[in-house]
Protein backbone atom coordinates (compact mmCIF):
# COMPACT_ATOMS: atom_id res chain seq x y z
CA UNK A 1 88.60 -19.96 116.37
CA UNK A 2 87.39 -18.05 113.68
CA UNK A 3 83.53 -16.81 113.84
CA UNK A 4 81.70 -17.07 110.44
CA UNK A 5 79.30 -14.08 109.98
CA UNK A 6 75.75 -15.05 108.79
CA UNK A 7 75.18 -13.33 105.58
CA UNK A 8 71.89 -11.96 104.74
CA UNK A 9 71.38 -14.30 101.93
CA UNK A 10 72.03 -17.21 104.61
CA UNK A 11 69.43 -15.69 107.12
CA UNK A 12 67.15 -15.41 103.83
CA UNK A 13 67.38 -19.08 102.88
CA UNK A 14 66.97 -19.96 107.00
CA UNK A 15 64.00 -17.95 106.83
CA UNK A 16 62.57 -19.87 103.83
CA UNK A 17 63.62 -22.99 104.99
CA UNK A 18 61.78 -22.33 108.25
CA UNK A 19 58.44 -21.50 106.50
CA UNK A 20 58.63 -24.31 104.23
CA UNK A 21 58.85 -26.53 107.31
CA UNK A 22 56.17 -24.84 109.05
CA UNK A 23 53.94 -25.37 105.68
CA UNK A 24 54.77 -28.86 105.64
CA UNK A 25 53.88 -29.44 109.17
CA UNK A 26 50.19 -27.61 108.63
CA UNK A 27 49.93 -29.81 105.90
CA UNK A 28 50.66 -33.16 107.64
CA UNK A 29 48.04 -31.66 110.24
CA UNK A 30 45.32 -31.30 107.88
CA UNK A 31 46.15 -34.65 106.25
CA UNK A 32 46.26 -36.32 109.66
CA UNK A 33 42.65 -34.53 110.59
CA UNK A 34 41.23 -35.73 107.25
CA UNK A 35 42.10 -39.19 107.77
CA UNK A 36 43.65 -39.73 104.17
CA UNK A 37 45.74 -42.37 105.86
CA UNK A 38 42.72 -44.48 106.61
CA UNK A 39 41.45 -43.78 103.12
CA UNK A 40 44.25 -45.09 101.37
CA UNK A 41 44.52 -48.12 104.07
CA UNK A 42 40.81 -48.95 102.57
CA UNK A 43 41.60 -48.68 98.99
CA UNK A 44 44.61 -51.15 99.45
CA UNK A 45 42.63 -53.50 101.15
CA UNK A 46 39.91 -54.55 98.63
CA UNK A 47 37.85 -56.73 100.63
CA UNK A 48 37.24 -54.25 103.16
CA UNK A 49 36.49 -51.70 100.57
CA UNK A 50 33.86 -54.16 98.90
CA UNK A 51 32.29 -54.87 102.48
CA UNK A 52 32.01 -51.25 103.36
CA UNK A 53 30.38 -50.52 99.91
CA UNK A 54 27.96 -53.51 100.48
CA UNK A 55 26.86 -52.27 103.81
CA UNK A 56 26.49 -48.74 102.95
CA UNK A 57 24.45 -50.18 99.82
CA UNK A 58 22.10 -51.87 102.14
CA UNK A 59 21.93 -49.37 104.30
CA UNK A 60 20.81 -47.05 101.55
CA UNK A 61 18.10 -49.35 100.29
CA UNK A 62 16.72 -50.24 103.66
CA UNK A 63 16.29 -46.18 104.47
CA UNK A 64 14.98 -45.59 100.85
CA UNK A 65 12.49 -48.28 101.27
CA UNK A 66 11.58 -47.19 104.64
CA UNK A 67 11.32 -43.55 103.83
CA UNK A 68 9.22 -44.10 100.61
CA UNK A 69 6.77 -46.57 102.55
CA UNK A 70 6.24 -43.65 105.23
CA UNK A 71 5.63 -40.99 102.39
CA UNK A 72 2.98 -43.29 100.51
CA UNK A 73 1.47 -43.94 103.80
CA UNK A 74 1.02 -40.38 104.63
CA UNK A 75 -0.27 -39.54 101.25
CA UNK A 76 -2.57 -42.67 101.39
CA UNK A 77 -3.81 -41.22 104.96
CA UNK A 78 -4.11 -37.79 103.71
CA UNK A 79 -6.36 -38.72 100.78
CA UNK A 80 -8.60 -40.79 102.95
CA UNK A 81 -9.40 -37.79 105.20
CA UNK A 82 -9.77 -35.69 102.06
CA UNK A 83 -12.53 -38.48 100.70
CA UNK A 84 -14.34 -38.28 104.24
CA UNK A 85 -14.90 -34.76 104.07
CA UNK A 86 -17.37 -35.15 101.21
CA UNK A 87 -16.26 -32.43 99.29
CA UNK A 88 -18.62 -32.89 95.79
CA UNK A 89 -15.82 -33.00 93.19
CA UNK A 90 -13.06 -33.35 95.27
CA UNK A 91 -14.31 -36.61 97.10
CA UNK A 92 -15.37 -38.35 94.04
CA UNK A 93 -11.91 -38.07 92.49
CA UNK A 94 -10.08 -39.08 95.50
CA UNK A 95 -12.14 -42.24 95.86
CA UNK A 96 -11.48 -43.12 92.24
CA UNK A 97 -7.60 -42.61 93.10
CA UNK A 98 -8.09 -44.72 96.07
CA UNK A 99 -10.17 -47.56 94.41
CA UNK A 100 -7.54 -47.77 91.54
CA UNK A 101 -4.82 -48.27 94.22
CA UNK A 102 -6.72 -50.66 95.90
CA UNK A 103 -7.22 -52.78 92.83
CA UNK A 104 -3.70 -52.64 91.76
CA UNK A 105 -2.56 -53.88 94.93
CA UNK A 106 -5.36 -56.71 95.12
CA UNK A 107 -4.20 -57.53 91.76
CA UNK A 108 -0.33 -57.77 92.76
CA UNK A 109 -1.33 -59.78 95.92
CA UNK A 110 -3.20 -62.26 93.92
CA UNK A 111 -0.20 -62.67 91.34
CA UNK A 112 1.95 -63.16 94.43
CA UNK A 113 -0.25 -65.72 96.09
CA UNK A 114 -0.29 -67.65 92.80
CA UNK A 115 3.59 -67.98 93.03
């Protein structure tokens, strides 16, 4: 039996090979944690992609509507409280704003009731 000695060049290639395998394993682990496979699967299933986008769009719309309603209600309450403080110029200005908002709301309600 003849023993072949491993040269330094072969050792270097072996070391590079092991480093590349280690890097590939790290990359595969990262991709698995990022769930890239699930993402690619969703891209290939058009109906699922459409469904997910529809549901997320509805959720955003509902969230925006609820958020805007709450903000407007809070602003309306703050303005009402300022009017009740009876600060001379500020109360008049705030009352004008409230009257304008209420009249516009009434007009929109009448138009809606006609239809």
